[in-house]
Amino acid sequence: MNRPTPAIVSQSAVRRLPRPALILFCVAYVLPGFLGREPWKVDDVGALGAMLELAAGQASWWQPTVLGLPVEEAGPLPYWLGAVFIRALPFLSPDFAARIPFGVLLSLTLAATWYASYQLARQPAALPVAFAFGGEAQPADYARALADAALLALVACLGLAQLSHETSPDLARLACTAMSLLGAARLSHPGASQPWRALPWWFAGVFGLALSGAAGLAALLGAGWLAVLAWRLLHTDADASRDKAYFPVLGLAAAAWLGMAMASQWLDAWNWPDVQATLRAPYWESWGRLLVWFTWPAWPLALWTLWRWRRQWVQAHVALPLWAVLVVVGFSAVSDDRDRTLLLALPALAALAAFALPTLRRSVSALIDWFTLLFFSFCALVIWVIWFAMMTGVPAKPAANVARLAPGFVPEFSFGLFLASALATGAWLWLVGWRVGRHREALWKSLVLPAAGATLCWLLLMTLWLPLLDFGRSYGPISRRIATLVPPGSCVLVDGLTQAQISALRYHGKLELVRTTGGSDARCQGMVVSPDTQATLAERVDLTQWAFKATVRRLTDNKESLLYYQRVGG
């Protein structure tokens, strides 16, 4: 017997968010960061190097490599996507061609989160209380309003912006996690025609996670979701026709999960975190801070959902996203890349956050609006002021800070970027007035300003600050400086360099690289060495043939440098 739902929602509160506005909003969030920038360090440019090798036929498609060594992030699927588009679109620059499928993956993440939340909100246990004289929200309208809110909550999460715009395996995992959540939500739907439609999403999600190097995570997610679905099937009154549909579909879903497990064993793609090593590390305080800001503002709403819906934790609309959040947060706590692992929790966390809205008081909703308005307006103002200081030198202090943090950077005015920023700022001001004056009863109203503010600040960073960010976060400047030291037509030995540094030297510097571990190539007249391996360099190279020439530092980071040697003998 289901406990009464805490949601009390009238039909007037589930008014439709205009589809053109929602689509335009998503476009404004997705495109900035994929257009017009250089590959950034570290994962972005490192993945691009592996994709370029695959596209050129220099590596096995089942074992992507960078200069002969396996990639640092396991799982071939993300590299396949980039390499296929690089080969299919030779008339585009390789870095832009590689970003196209990842832009599609981000769009797919947003769409899958919307549809998963819609399916979860259609659950009988999730529907609002029926009024004595009618007027309660209709199921389809209620589910659509909550799905809109979940999408807005996902976009509003502060940790989503940068990592979701990189050409890295993390975005592929994020999309696969959202797709598998959609598959589980469809499997839990009571409609007789729904289960078979869930299988493609379920298959794509679990196998996509396995092929993206997260099979261990996929195994735990799939096991928990299958347990929830089996429990729901056994404890829900259902007619015979629906039982006949559900049992074979759940069997196929379980078979897909087992097939993923077997395939992952063959691929050696489980990638379990080293729990003992991480537990000994004093990172818990920093992880707590990361958890707070990275998932803001979804986490307080999700906690409110768990409190108000505490009698329905075993129901699918709470249990499915809650299990995903618990598993991913647990993985993040013991992972080396805690932020990139935590990224995978955001779709499920956004779905949980949406169910808090039918139970929020008006005072809490107003507090969210005012905090969001002040916070993002202040952030946008800071971005504009610093940009104006870069262009004009006024105010003097911000201009001096930019010159100190990015020595050698010469700002250039771009009318196109300025126009996009001005239009976005104008849209923000209009939206603030619209939010204050209209649609006060809409269920999704509390998340419009957080999502719009996050989108505005991200768009301003990717327009006004884009040249500065390219200068500071790209390996392009240091790679091109090293290329000027290398004799024309000569190859370069590299020792101790990371996957990202090697990829940058090959892409930005147009250099032919050879590892010192493969022996000293007489054709190479230059050598680039990491300071970390300089002490043992004599074990791999005859240093009597080389003379130290320069220490080349990244202009925006004195702690990161490379050593350049010139051949003088042999």
Protein backbone atom coordinates (compact mmCIF):
# COMPACT_ATOMS: atom_id res chain seq x y z
CA MET A 1 0.00 0.00 0.00
CA ASN A 2 1.56 3.30 -1.05
CA ARG A 3 1.85 6.08 1.52
CA PRO A 4 0.19 9.42 0.59
CA THR A 5 2.31 11.60 -1.68
CA PRO A 6 3.62 14.89 -0.23
CA ALA A 7 3.08 16.68 -3.56
CA ILE A 8 0.10 19.02 -3.61
CA VAL A 9 0.05 20.64 -7.05
CA SER A 10 -2.73 22.42 -8.91
CA GLN A 11 -3.15 22.44 -12.67
CA SER A 12 -2.20 26.13 -12.80
CA ALA A 13 1.24 25.31 -11.34
CA VAL A 14 2.25 23.01 -14.20
CA ARG A 15 1.96 25.50 -17.02
CA ARG A 16 4.17 24.69 -19.95
CA LEU A 17 7.65 26.15 -20.35
CA PRO A 18 7.71 27.21 -24.04
CA ARG A 19 9.64 24.64 -26.08
CA PRO A 20 11.43 27.20 -28.31
CA ALA A 21 12.66 29.00 -25.20
CA LEU A 22 13.87 25.75 -23.63
CA ILE A 23 15.66 24.65 -26.82
CA LEU A 24 17.28 28.08 -27.26
CA PHE A 25 18.36 27.94 -23.64
CA CYS A 26 20.05 24.56 -24.17
CA VAL A 27 21.75 25.79 -27.35
CA ALA A 28 23.11 28.81 -25.46
CA TYR A 29 24.60 26.43 -22.89
CA VAL A 30 25.98 23.75 -25.22
CA LEU A 31 27.64 25.75 -27.99
CA PRO A 32 29.96 28.03 -25.93
CA GLY A 33 33.02 25.98 -25.10
CA PHE A 34 32.82 23.86 -28.23
CA LEU A 35 33.32 26.75 -30.67
CA GLY A 36 36.38 28.87 -31.29
CA ARG A 37 38.80 27.71 -28.60
CA GLU A 38 42.06 25.77 -28.49
CA PRO A 39 42.37 22.36 -26.79
CA TRP A 40 42.97 22.96 -23.08
CA LYS A 41 45.13 21.06 -20.66
CA VAL A 42 45.13 18.37 -19.48
CA ASP A 43 42.49 15.82 -20.45
CA ASP A 44 41.18 17.83 -23.40
CA VAL A 45 44.40 17.96 -25.41
CA GLY A 46 45.53 14.54 -24.17
CA ALA A 47 42.44 12.87 -25.60
CA LEU A 48 42.86 14.78 -28.86
CA GLY A 49 46.33 13.28 -29.27
CA ALA A 50 44.95 9.74 -29.04
CA MET A 51 42.16 10.57 -31.50
CA LEU A 52 44.65 11.95 -34.01
CA GLU A 53 46.72 8.74 -33.84
CA LEU A 54 43.61 6.61 -34.42
CA ALA A 55 42.50 8.79 -37.32
CA ALA A 56 45.96 8.54 -38.90
CA GLY A 57 46.05 4.75 -38.49
CA GLN A 58 49.00 4.86 -36.10
CA ALA A 59 47.32 2.92 -33.26
CA SER A 60 45.01 -0.03 -32.72
CA TRP A 61 41.34 0.88 -32.45
CA TRP A 62 41.00 -1.47 -29.49
CA GLN A 63 44.04 -0.01 -27.72
CA PRO A 64 44.38 3.75 -28.33
CA THR A 65 47.88 5.05 -27.70
CA VAL A 66 49.86 8.29 -27.66
CA LEU A 67 53.35 7.89 -29.06
CA GLY A 68 53.29 4.13 -28.47
CA LEU A 69 52.01 4.08 -24.87
CA PRO A 70 48.39 3.28 -23.89
CA VAL A 71 46.18 6.24 -23.08
CA GLU A 72 45.89 7.29 -19.46
CA GLU A 73 42.07 7.09 -19.52
CA ALA A 74 40.96 3.55 -20.36
CA GLY A 75 38.06 2.75 -22.68
CA PRO A 76 38.20 3.17 -26.46
CA LEU A 77 34.68 4.54 -27.18
CA PRO A 78 35.40 8.29 -26.65
CA TYR A 79 38.52 8.07 -28.82
CA TRP A 80 36.58 6.26 -31.53
CA LEU A 81 34.04 9.09 -31.71
CA GLY A 82 36.67 11.80 -32.10
CA ALA A 83 38.76 9.82 -34.59
CA VAL A 84 35.77 8.99 -36.79
CA PHE A 85 34.78 12.64 -37.08
CA ILE A 86 38.37 13.73 -37.74
CA ARG A 87 38.56 11.29 -40.65
CA ALA A 88 35.06 12.05 -41.90
CA LEU A 89 35.53 15.84 -41.86
CA PRO A 90 39.06 16.48 -43.18
CA PHE A 91 38.09 20.00 -44.30
CA LEU A 92 37.67 21.06 -40.65
CA SER A 93 40.43 21.58 -38.12
CA PRO A 94 41.00 18.31 -36.23
CA ASP A 95 40.25 19.78 -32.80
CA PHE A 96 36.89 21.22 -33.95
CA ALA A 97 35.95 18.03 -35.81
CA ALA A 98 36.69 16.00 -32.68
CA ARG A 99 34.44 18.27 -30.58
CA ILE A 100 31.35 17.71 -32.74
CA PRO A 101 30.40 14.27 -31.31
CA PHE A 102 31.05 15.52 -27.80
CA GLY A 103 28.69 18.42 -28.36
CA VAL A 104 26.13 15.83 -29.41
CA LEU A 105 26.88 13.84 -26.24
CA LEU A 106 26.21 16.87 -24.06
CA SER A 107 22.94 17.49 -25.89
CA LEU A 108 22.07 13.82 -25.43
CA THR A 109 22.80 14.14 -21.70
CA LEU A 110 20.37 17.03 -21.37
CA ALA A 111 17.69 15.22 -23.38
CA ALA A 112 18.12 11.92 -21.51
CA THR A 113 17.88 13.70 -18.16
CA TRP A 114 14.64 15.38 -19.26
CA TYR A 115 13.04 12.15 -20.48
CA ALA A 116 14.25 10.14 -17.46
CA SER A 117 12.72 12.70 -15.09
CA TYR A 118 9.52 12.67 -17.14
CA GLN A 119 9.23 8.88 -16.85
CA LEU A 120 9.97 8.96 -13.12
CA ALA A 121 7.34 11.66 -12.53
CA ARG A 122 4.71 9.53 -14.30
CA GLN A 123 5.04 6.86 -11.62
CA PRO A 124 1.76 6.43 -9.68
CA ALA A 125 3.60 6.98 -6.39
CA ALA A 126 5.06 10.26 -7.66
CA LEU A 127 1.79 11.87 -8.76
CA PRO A 128 0.30 14.71 -6.70
CA VAL A 129 -2.63 14.36 -4.33
CA ALA A 130 -6.03 14.23 -6.00
CA PHE A 131 -8.26 17.10 -4.87
CA ALA A 132 -11.74 16.43 -3.57
CA PHE A 133 -13.38 18.64 -6.20
CA GLY A 134 -10.81 18.31 -8.97
CA GLY A 135 -8.27 20.83 -10.20
CA GLU A 136 -5.15 18.84 -9.37
CA ALA A 137 -2.34 18.68 -11.91
CA GLN A 138 -2.82 16.26 -14.75
CA PRO A 139 -0.18 13.47 -14.84
CA ALA A 140 1.32 14.40 -18.21
CA ASP A 141 1.49 18.12 -17.42
CA TYR A 142 2.91 17.43 -13.97
CA ALA A 143 5.58 15.12 -15.37
CA ARG A 144 6.53 17.62 -18.07
CA ALA A 145 6.89 20.41 -15.51
CA LEU A 146 9.15 18.27 -13.31
CA ALA A 147 11.21 17.24 -16.34
CA ASP A 148 11.70 20.90 -17.25
CA ALA A 149 12.80 21.56 -13.67
CA ALA A 150 15.26 18.64 -13.75
CA LEU A 151 16.84 19.94 -16.95
CA LEU A 152 17.17 23.41 -15.42
CA ALA A 153 18.68 21.92 -12.26
CA LEU A 154 21.26 20.02 -14.30
CA VAL A 155 22.32 23.12 -16.23
CA ALA A 156 22.48 25.13 -13.01
CA CYS A 157 25.04 22.77 -11.40
CA LEU A 158 28.29 24.69 -11.19
CA GLY A 159 30.48 21.64 -11.81
CA LEU A 160 28.89 20.76 -15.13
CA ALA A 161 30.10 23.68 -17.24
CA GLN A 162 33.79 23.07 -17.90
CA LEU A 163 34.00 19.25 -17.78
CA SER A 164 30.96 18.81 -20.02
CA HIS A 165 32.60 20.88 -22.78
CA GLU A 166 35.84 18.89 -23.01
CA THR A 167 36.67 16.24 -25.59
CA SER A 168 37.45 13.75 -22.86
CA PRO A 169 36.10 10.33 -21.81
CA ASP A 170 34.28 11.98 -18.90
CA LEU A 171 31.63 13.45 -21.19
CA ALA A 172 31.03 10.06 -22.83
CA ARG A 173 30.57 8.52 -19.37
CA LEU A 174 28.19 11.31 -18.40
CA ALA A 175 26.01 10.72 -21.46
CA CYS A 176 26.02 6.95 -20.91
CA THR A 177 25.05 7.39 -17.26
CA ALA A 178 22.13 9.62 -18.26
CA MET A 179 21.06 7.11 -20.94
CA SER A 180 21.18 4.18 -18.52
CA LEU A 181 19.11 6.20 -16.02
CA LEU A 182 16.57 6.82 -18.78
CA GLY A 183 16.52 3.09 -19.56
CA ALA A 184 15.92 2.22 -15.91
CA ALA A 185 13.19 4.88 -15.65
CA ARG A 186 11.42 3.50 -18.72
CA LEU A 187 11.67 -0.03 -17.37
CA SER A 188 9.96 1.12 -14.19
CA HIS A 189 7.08 2.78 -16.02
CA PRO A 190 3.75 0.98 -15.57
CA GLY A 191 2.65 1.42 -19.20
CA ALA A 192 2.52 -1.91 -21.04
CA SER A 193 4.13 -0.50 -24.19
CA GLN A 194 7.05 1.13 -22.40
CA PRO A 195 9.40 -1.73 -21.39
CA TRP A 196 10.55 -2.68 -24.88
CA ARG A 197 11.35 0.96 -25.66
CA ALA A 198 13.67 1.05 -22.67
CA LEU A 199 16.05 -1.62 -23.92
CA PRO A 200 18.00 0.52 -26.44
CA TRP A 201 18.74 3.11 -23.76
CA TRP A 202 19.67 0.43 -21.25
CA PHE A 203 21.98 -1.35 -23.70
CA ALA A 204 23.59 1.91 -24.83
CA GLY A 205 24.11 3.05 -21.26
CA VAL A 206 25.71 -0.06 -19.74
CA PHE A 207 27.85 -0.96 -22.74
CA GLY A 208 28.78 2.68 -23.30
CA LEU A 209 30.03 2.96 -19.73
CA ALA A 210 32.03 -0.25 -20.13
CA LEU A 211 33.60 0.96 -23.39
CA SER A 212 34.38 4.31 -21.77
CA GLY A 213 36.44 2.78 -18.99
CA ALA A 214 33.80 2.78 -16.23
CA ALA A 215 32.64 -0.83 -16.19
CA GLY A 216 32.94 -1.09 -12.41
CA LEU A 217 30.57 1.84 -12.01
CA ALA A 218 28.21 0.37 -14.61
CA ALA A 219 28.17 -2.94 -12.75
CA LEU A 220 27.09 -1.37 -9.45
CA LEU A 221 24.56 0.95 -11.09
CA GLY A 222 23.01 -1.86 -13.11
CA ALA A 223 22.85 -4.27 -10.19
CA GLY A 224 21.10 -1.74 -7.96
CA TRP A 225 18.65 -0.63 -10.62
CA LEU A 226 17.75 -4.22 -11.54
CA ALA A 227 17.13 -4.93 -7.85
CA VAL A 228 14.80 -1.92 -7.58
CA LEU A 229 12.92 -2.94 -10.73
CA ALA A 230 12.58 -6.55 -9.57
CA TRP A 231 11.29 -5.41 -6.18
CA ARG A 232 8.80 -3.10 -7.85
CA LEU A 233 7.54 -5.89 -10.11
CA LEU A 234 7.05 -8.26 -7.19
CA HIS A 235 5.31 -5.73 -4.93
CA THR A 236 3.05 -3.94 -7.40
CA ASP A 237 -0.39 -5.12 -8.38
CA ALA A 238 -0.25 -5.75 -12.11
CA ASP A 239 -2.41 -7.42 -14.69
CA ALA A 240 -1.24 -10.48 -16.58
CA SER A 241 -0.53 -8.64 -19.82
CA ARG A 242 1.91 -6.33 -18.13
CA ASP A 243 3.61 -9.18 -16.30
CA LYS A 244 4.16 -10.92 -19.61
CA ALA A 245 5.81 -7.81 -20.95
CA TYR A 246 7.98 -7.08 -17.97
CA PHE A 247 9.55 -10.45 -17.22
CA PRO A 248 11.23 -10.98 -20.62
CA VAL A 249 12.28 -7.33 -20.78
CA LEU A 250 13.89 -7.47 -17.35
CA GLY A 251 15.53 -10.71 -18.38
CA LEU A 252 17.02 -9.03 -21.45
CA ALA A 253 18.16 -6.10 -19.31
CA ALA A 254 19.87 -8.49 -16.91
CA ALA A 255 21.43 -10.35 -19.85
CA ALA A 256 22.79 -7.04 -21.18
CA TRP A 257 24.27 -6.31 -17.78
CA LEU A 258 25.95 -9.73 -17.65
CA GLY A 259 27.17 -9.31 -21.22
CA MET A 260 28.70 -5.99 -20.26
CA ALA A 261 30.46 -7.66 -17.35
CA MET A 262 31.91 -10.39 -19.57
CA ALA A 263 32.97 -7.91 -22.26
CA SER A 264 34.61 -5.70 -19.65
CA GLN A 265 36.64 -8.60 -18.32
CA TRP A 266 37.91 -9.12 -21.85
CA LEU A 267 38.65 -5.42 -22.28
CA ASP A 268 40.11 -5.13 -18.76
CA ALA A 269 38.08 -1.94 -18.31
CA TRP A 270 36.77 -2.22 -14.75
CA ASN A 271 38.90 0.65 -13.42
CA TRP A 272 38.12 0.16 -9.73
CA PRO A 273 39.52 2.94 -7.48
CA ASP A 274 42.34 2.18 -5.06
CA VAL A 275 40.28 2.46 -1.88
CA GLN A 276 43.03 1.85 0.68
CA ALA A 277 45.44 4.34 -0.87
CA THR A 278 42.75 7.01 -1.04
CA LEU A 279 41.49 6.47 2.48
CA ARG A 280 44.99 7.18 3.77
CA ALA A 281 45.12 10.48 1.91
CA PRO A 282 44.11 13.63 3.86
CA TYR A 283 41.64 14.80 1.24
CA TRP A 284 38.32 14.50 3.01
CA GLU A 285 37.95 18.17 3.84
CA SER A 286 38.72 19.23 0.27
CA TRP A 287 36.36 16.55 -1.04
CA GLY A 288 33.59 17.91 1.17
CA ARG A 289 34.09 21.41 -0.23
CA LEU A 290 34.11 19.98 -3.75
CA LEU A 291 30.86 18.15 -3.09
CA VAL A 292 29.20 21.35 -1.87
CA TRP A 293 30.10 23.70 -4.71
CA PHE A 294 30.31 21.19 -7.57
CA THR A 295 26.71 20.00 -7.16
CA TRP A 296 25.20 23.36 -6.16
CA PRO A 297 22.24 24.11 -6.27
CA ALA A 298 20.98 20.57 -6.85
CA TRP A 299 22.23 19.00 -3.61
CA PRO A 300 20.13 21.02 -1.10
CA LEU A 301 17.01 20.39 -3.19
CA ALA A 302 17.88 16.68 -3.41
CA LEU A 303 18.23 16.50 0.38
CA TRP A 304 14.85 18.20 0.73
CA THR A 305 13.38 15.61 -1.65
CA LEU A 306 14.72 12.77 0.48
CA TRP A 307 13.20 14.33 3.58
CA ARG A 308 9.76 15.13 2.16
CA TRP A 309 9.53 11.85 0.24
CA ARG A 310 11.09 9.79 3.05
CA ARG A 311 8.15 7.37 3.11
CA GLN A 312 8.66 6.50 -0.56
CA TRP A 313 12.36 5.83 -0.77
CA VAL A 314 11.69 2.34 -2.15
CA GLN A 315 9.55 3.72 -4.96
CA ALA A 316 11.18 3.94 -8.37
CA HIS A 317 11.03 7.76 -8.72
CA VAL A 318 13.22 8.12 -5.62
CA ALA A 319 15.13 4.83 -5.48
CA LEU A 320 16.52 4.86 -9.04
CA PRO A 321 18.19 8.30 -8.98
CA LEU A 322 19.13 7.93 -5.31
CA TRP A 323 21.05 4.72 -6.01
CA ALA A 324 22.94 6.41 -8.85
CA VAL A 325 23.87 9.35 -6.61
CA LEU A 326 25.05 7.09 -3.78
CA VAL A 327 27.18 4.91 -6.06
CA VAL A 328 28.81 7.79 -7.92
CA VAL A 329 29.44 9.84 -4.78
CA GLY A 330 30.99 6.76 -3.18
CA PHE A 331 33.25 6.28 -6.20
CA SER A 332 34.16 9.96 -6.09
CA ALA A 333 35.18 9.75 -2.44
CA VAL A 334 37.85 7.13 -3.18
CA SER A 335 38.85 8.22 -6.69
CA ASP A 336 41.93 10.14 -7.76
CA ASP A 337 39.87 12.38 -10.09
CA ARG A 338 37.10 13.21 -7.66
CA ASP A 339 35.56 16.04 -9.64
CA ARG A 340 35.44 14.04 -12.88
CA THR A 341 33.85 11.09 -11.13
CA LEU A 342 31.35 13.32 -9.32
CA LEU A 343 30.28 14.69 -12.69
CA LEU A 344 28.42 11.44 -13.37
CA ALA A 345 26.08 12.02 -10.40
CA LEU A 346 24.63 15.26 -11.78
CA PRO A 347 21.81 13.84 -14.00
CA ALA A 348 20.44 11.68 -11.17
CA LEU A 349 20.94 14.49 -8.66
CA ALA A 350 19.01 16.87 -10.91
CA ALA A 351 16.15 14.36 -11.19
CA LEU A 352 16.01 14.11 -7.39
CA ALA A 353 16.13 17.89 -7.04
CA ALA A 354 13.09 18.30 -9.28
CA PHE A 355 10.88 16.37 -6.86
CA ALA A 356 11.59 18.94 -4.15
CA LEU A 357 9.73 21.66 -6.04
CA PRO A 358 6.15 20.41 -5.41
CA THR A 359 6.85 20.60 -1.68
CA LEU A 360 8.76 23.91 -1.44
CA ARG A 361 7.24 26.83 0.42
CA ARG A 362 6.98 30.19 -1.31
CA SER A 363 9.46 31.76 1.11
CA VAL A 364 12.12 29.17 0.24
CA SER A 365 11.51 29.70 -3.47
CA ALA A 366 11.91 33.47 -3.02
CA LEU A 367 15.15 32.94 -1.09
CA ILE A 368 16.56 30.85 -3.95
CA ASP A 369 15.61 33.55 -6.45
CA TRP A 370 17.21 36.38 -4.51
CA PHE A 371 20.40 34.48 -3.77
CA THR A 372 20.73 33.44 -7.40
CA LEU A 373 20.03 36.93 -8.66
CA LEU A 374 22.70 38.49 -6.46
CA PHE A 375 25.31 35.77 -6.96
CA PHE A 376 25.21 35.48 -10.74
CA SER A 377 24.71 39.20 -11.29
CA PHE A 378 27.85 39.84 -9.23
CA CYS A 379 29.79 37.16 -11.17
CA ALA A 380 28.68 38.63 -14.51
CA LEU A 381 29.66 42.11 -13.36
CA VAL A 382 33.13 40.89 -12.35
CA ILE A 383 33.63 39.24 -15.75
CA TRP A 384 32.62 42.45 -17.56
CA VAL A 385 34.80 44.68 -15.35
CA ILE A 386 37.91 42.53 -15.84
CA TRP A 387 37.30 42.39 -19.60
CA PHE A 388 36.95 46.17 -19.74
CA ALA A 389 40.16 46.49 -17.72
CA MET A 390 41.98 44.20 -20.19
CA MET A 391 40.80 46.31 -23.10
CA THR A 392 41.36 49.79 -21.65
CA GLY A 393 43.61 49.47 -18.60
CA VAL A 394 40.82 50.92 -16.39
CA PRO A 395 40.32 50.04 -13.57
CA ALA A 396 44.05 49.76 -13.09
CA LYS A 397 44.11 47.04 -10.41
CA PRO A 398 42.25 44.33 -12.41
CA ALA A 399 44.37 45.17 -15.47
CA ALA A 400 47.55 44.79 -13.39
CA ASN A 401 46.35 41.46 -11.99
CA VAL A 402 45.75 40.12 -15.52
CA ALA A 403 49.20 41.29 -16.63
CA ARG A 404 50.78 39.61 -13.60
CA LEU A 405 48.92 36.29 -13.98
CA ALA A 406 49.23 36.12 -17.78
CA PRO A 407 52.52 37.80 -18.74
CA GLY A 408 52.83 38.31 -22.45
CA PHE A 409 49.10 38.21 -23.14
CA VAL A 410 47.96 40.87 -25.61
CA PRO A 411 44.18 41.36 -25.59
CA GLU A 412 42.39 41.94 -28.88
CA PHE A 413 38.86 43.25 -29.34
CA SER A 414 36.44 40.95 -31.17
CA PHE A 415 33.12 42.52 -32.14
CA GLY A 416 31.47 39.12 -32.62
CA LEU A 417 32.37 37.91 -29.12
CA PHE A 418 31.39 41.27 -27.63
CA LEU A 419 28.01 41.18 -29.39
CA ALA A 420 27.25 37.66 -28.14
CA SER A 421 28.13 38.72 -24.59
CA ALA A 422 26.00 41.84 -24.77
CA LEU A 423 23.00 39.90 -26.07
CA ALA A 424 23.38 37.31 -23.32
CA THR A 425 23.57 40.00 -20.65
CA GLY A 426 20.50 41.72 -22.07
CA ALA A 427 18.64 38.40 -22.04
CA TRP A 428 19.58 37.92 -18.37
CA LEU A 429 18.19 41.35 -17.45
CA TRP A 430 15.00 40.63 -19.37
CA LEU A 431 14.65 37.23 -17.71
CA VAL A 432 15.01 38.74 -14.24
CA GLY A 433 12.17 41.14 -14.98
CA TRP A 434 10.09 38.33 -16.51
CA ARG A 435 10.64 36.11 -13.49
CA VAL A 436 9.60 38.80 -11.05
CA GLY A 437 6.50 39.82 -12.96
CA ARG A 438 5.03 36.63 -14.40
CA HIS A 439 4.61 32.86 -13.96
CA ARG A 440 4.80 33.02 -10.19
CA GLU A 441 2.88 29.76 -9.87
CA ALA A 442 4.92 27.70 -12.34
CA LEU A 443 6.43 24.64 -10.70
CA TRP A 444 9.81 25.14 -12.40
CA LYS A 445 10.06 28.86 -11.55
CA SER A 446 12.64 28.43 -8.75
CA LEU A 447 15.23 26.95 -11.12
CA VAL A 448 14.93 29.40 -14.02
CA LEU A 449 17.28 31.99 -12.55
CA PRO A 450 19.93 29.48 -11.32
CA ALA A 451 20.09 27.81 -14.72
CA ALA A 452 20.05 31.10 -16.62
CA GLY A 453 22.72 32.59 -14.33
CA ALA A 454 25.03 29.60 -14.81
CA THR A 455 24.50 29.78 -18.57
CA LEU A 456 25.16 33.53 -18.62
CA CYS A 457 28.45 33.29 -16.71
CA TRP A 458 29.64 30.35 -18.81
CA LEU A 459 28.79 32.17 -22.02
CA LEU A 460 30.56 35.34 -20.84
CA LEU A 461 33.67 33.35 -19.97
CA MET A 462 33.63 31.65 -23.37
CA THR A 463 33.30 34.96 -25.22
CA LEU A 464 34.82 37.90 -23.31
CA TRP A 465 37.52 35.83 -21.64
CA LEU A 466 38.08 33.27 -24.39
CA PRO A 467 41.42 34.69 -25.67
CA LEU A 468 42.72 34.95 -22.11
CA LEU A 469 41.60 31.41 -21.24
CA ASP A 470 43.17 30.04 -24.42
CA PHE A 471 46.41 31.77 -23.48
CA GLY A 472 46.35 30.51 -19.90
CA ARG A 473 44.89 27.02 -20.22
CA SER A 474 46.39 25.91 -23.53
CA TYR A 475 49.75 24.28 -24.15
CA GLY A 476 49.82 26.16 -27.46
CA PRO A 477 52.17 29.02 -26.42
CA ILE A 478 54.81 26.77 -24.84
CA SER A 479 54.58 24.25 -27.70
CA ARG A 480 55.11 26.93 -30.33
CA ARG A 481 58.05 28.40 -28.39
CA ILE A 482 59.74 25.00 -28.28
CA ALA A 483 59.09 24.53 -32.00
CA THR A 484 61.11 27.69 -32.73
CA LEU A 485 64.15 26.10 -31.01
CA VAL A 486 64.09 22.89 -33.08
CA PRO A 487 66.07 22.83 -36.34
CA PRO A 488 63.74 22.59 -39.38
CA GLY A 489 63.05 19.06 -40.57
CA SER A 490 64.38 17.44 -37.41
CA CYS A 491 62.61 15.13 -35.04
CA VAL A 492 62.60 15.63 -31.27
CA LEU A 493 63.32 13.16 -28.47
CA VAL A 494 60.97 13.37 -25.48
CA ASP A 495 61.57 12.04 -21.99
CA GLY A 496 59.12 11.94 -19.07
CA LEU A 497 56.42 14.02 -20.77
CA THR A 498 52.75 13.43 -20.05
CA GLN A 499 50.19 12.37 -22.63
CA ALA A 500 48.86 15.94 -22.78
CA GLN A 501 52.31 17.51 -23.25
CA ILE A 502 53.18 15.07 -26.03
CA SER A 503 49.86 15.68 -27.75
CA ALA A 504 50.33 19.45 -27.53
CA LEU A 505 53.85 19.38 -28.98
CA ARG A 506 52.64 17.30 -31.89
CA TYR A 507 49.46 19.30 -32.53
CA HIS A 508 50.48 22.89 -31.73
CA GLY A 509 54.20 22.63 -32.44
CA LYS A 510 53.87 20.34 -35.51
CA LEU A 511 56.84 18.33 -34.22
CA GLU A 512 57.81 14.73 -34.95
CA LEU A 513 58.44 13.12 -31.56
CA VAL A 514 60.38 9.99 -30.57
CA ARG A 515 60.55 8.56 -27.04
CA THR A 516 63.97 8.14 -25.46
CA THR A 517 62.91 4.68 -24.25
CA GLY A 518 63.04 3.51 -27.84
CA GLY A 519 66.69 4.46 -28.22
CA SER A 520 68.38 7.66 -29.39
CA ASP A 521 67.38 8.48 -32.97
CA ALA A 522 70.27 10.09 -34.83
CA ARG A 523 67.81 12.15 -36.90
CA CYS A 524 66.65 14.02 -33.80
CA GLN A 525 68.53 17.26 -33.19
CA GLY A 526 66.44 18.37 -30.21
CA MET A 527 65.28 16.79 -26.95
CA VAL A 528 62.52 17.90 -24.56
CA VAL A 529 62.79 16.59 -21.01
CA SER A 530 60.54 16.82 -17.98
CA PRO A 531 62.28 18.18 -14.87
CA ASP A 532 60.96 15.17 -12.95
CA THR A 533 63.04 12.73 -15.02
CA GLN A 534 66.13 14.88 -15.56
CA ALA A 535 68.06 13.16 -12.74
CA THR A 536 67.85 9.75 -14.44
CA LEU A 537 68.16 10.99 -18.03
CA ALA A 538 71.72 9.65 -18.38
CA GLU A 539 70.38 6.10 -18.04
CA ARG A 540 68.51 6.46 -21.35
CA VAL A 541 70.54 9.00 -23.34
CA ASP A 542 74.24 9.59 -23.93
CA LEU A 543 74.43 13.12 -22.50
CA THR A 544 77.90 13.71 -24.01
CA GLN A 545 76.07 14.28 -27.30
CA TRP A 546 73.65 16.85 -25.87
CA ALA A 547 73.91 20.37 -24.49
CA PHE A 548 71.29 22.05 -22.33
CA LYS A 549 69.86 25.08 -24.12
CA ALA A 550 66.80 26.45 -22.32
CA THR A 551 64.14 26.02 -19.68
CA VAL A 552 60.81 26.79 -21.33
CA ARG A 553 58.05 27.67 -18.88
CA ARG A 554 54.37 28.11 -19.36
CA LEU A 555 53.85 31.85 -19.20
CA THR A 556 50.90 31.51 -16.81
CA ASP A 557 52.40 28.83 -14.54
CA ASN A 558 56.01 29.04 -13.35
CA LYS A 559 55.69 25.62 -11.70
CA GLU A 560 55.30 23.85 -15.05
CA SER A 561 58.36 23.87 -17.30
CA LEU A 562 60.14 21.75 -19.88
CA LEU A 563 63.88 21.44 -20.51
CA TYR A 564 65.23 21.70 -24.04
CA TYR A 565 68.53 20.08 -25.15
CA GLN A 566 70.33 20.49 -28.46
CA ARG A 567 72.46 17.76 -30.08
CA VAL A 568 76.12 18.73 -30.27
CA GLY A 569 77.83 15.44 -31.16
CA GLY A 570 77.33 12.09 -32.85
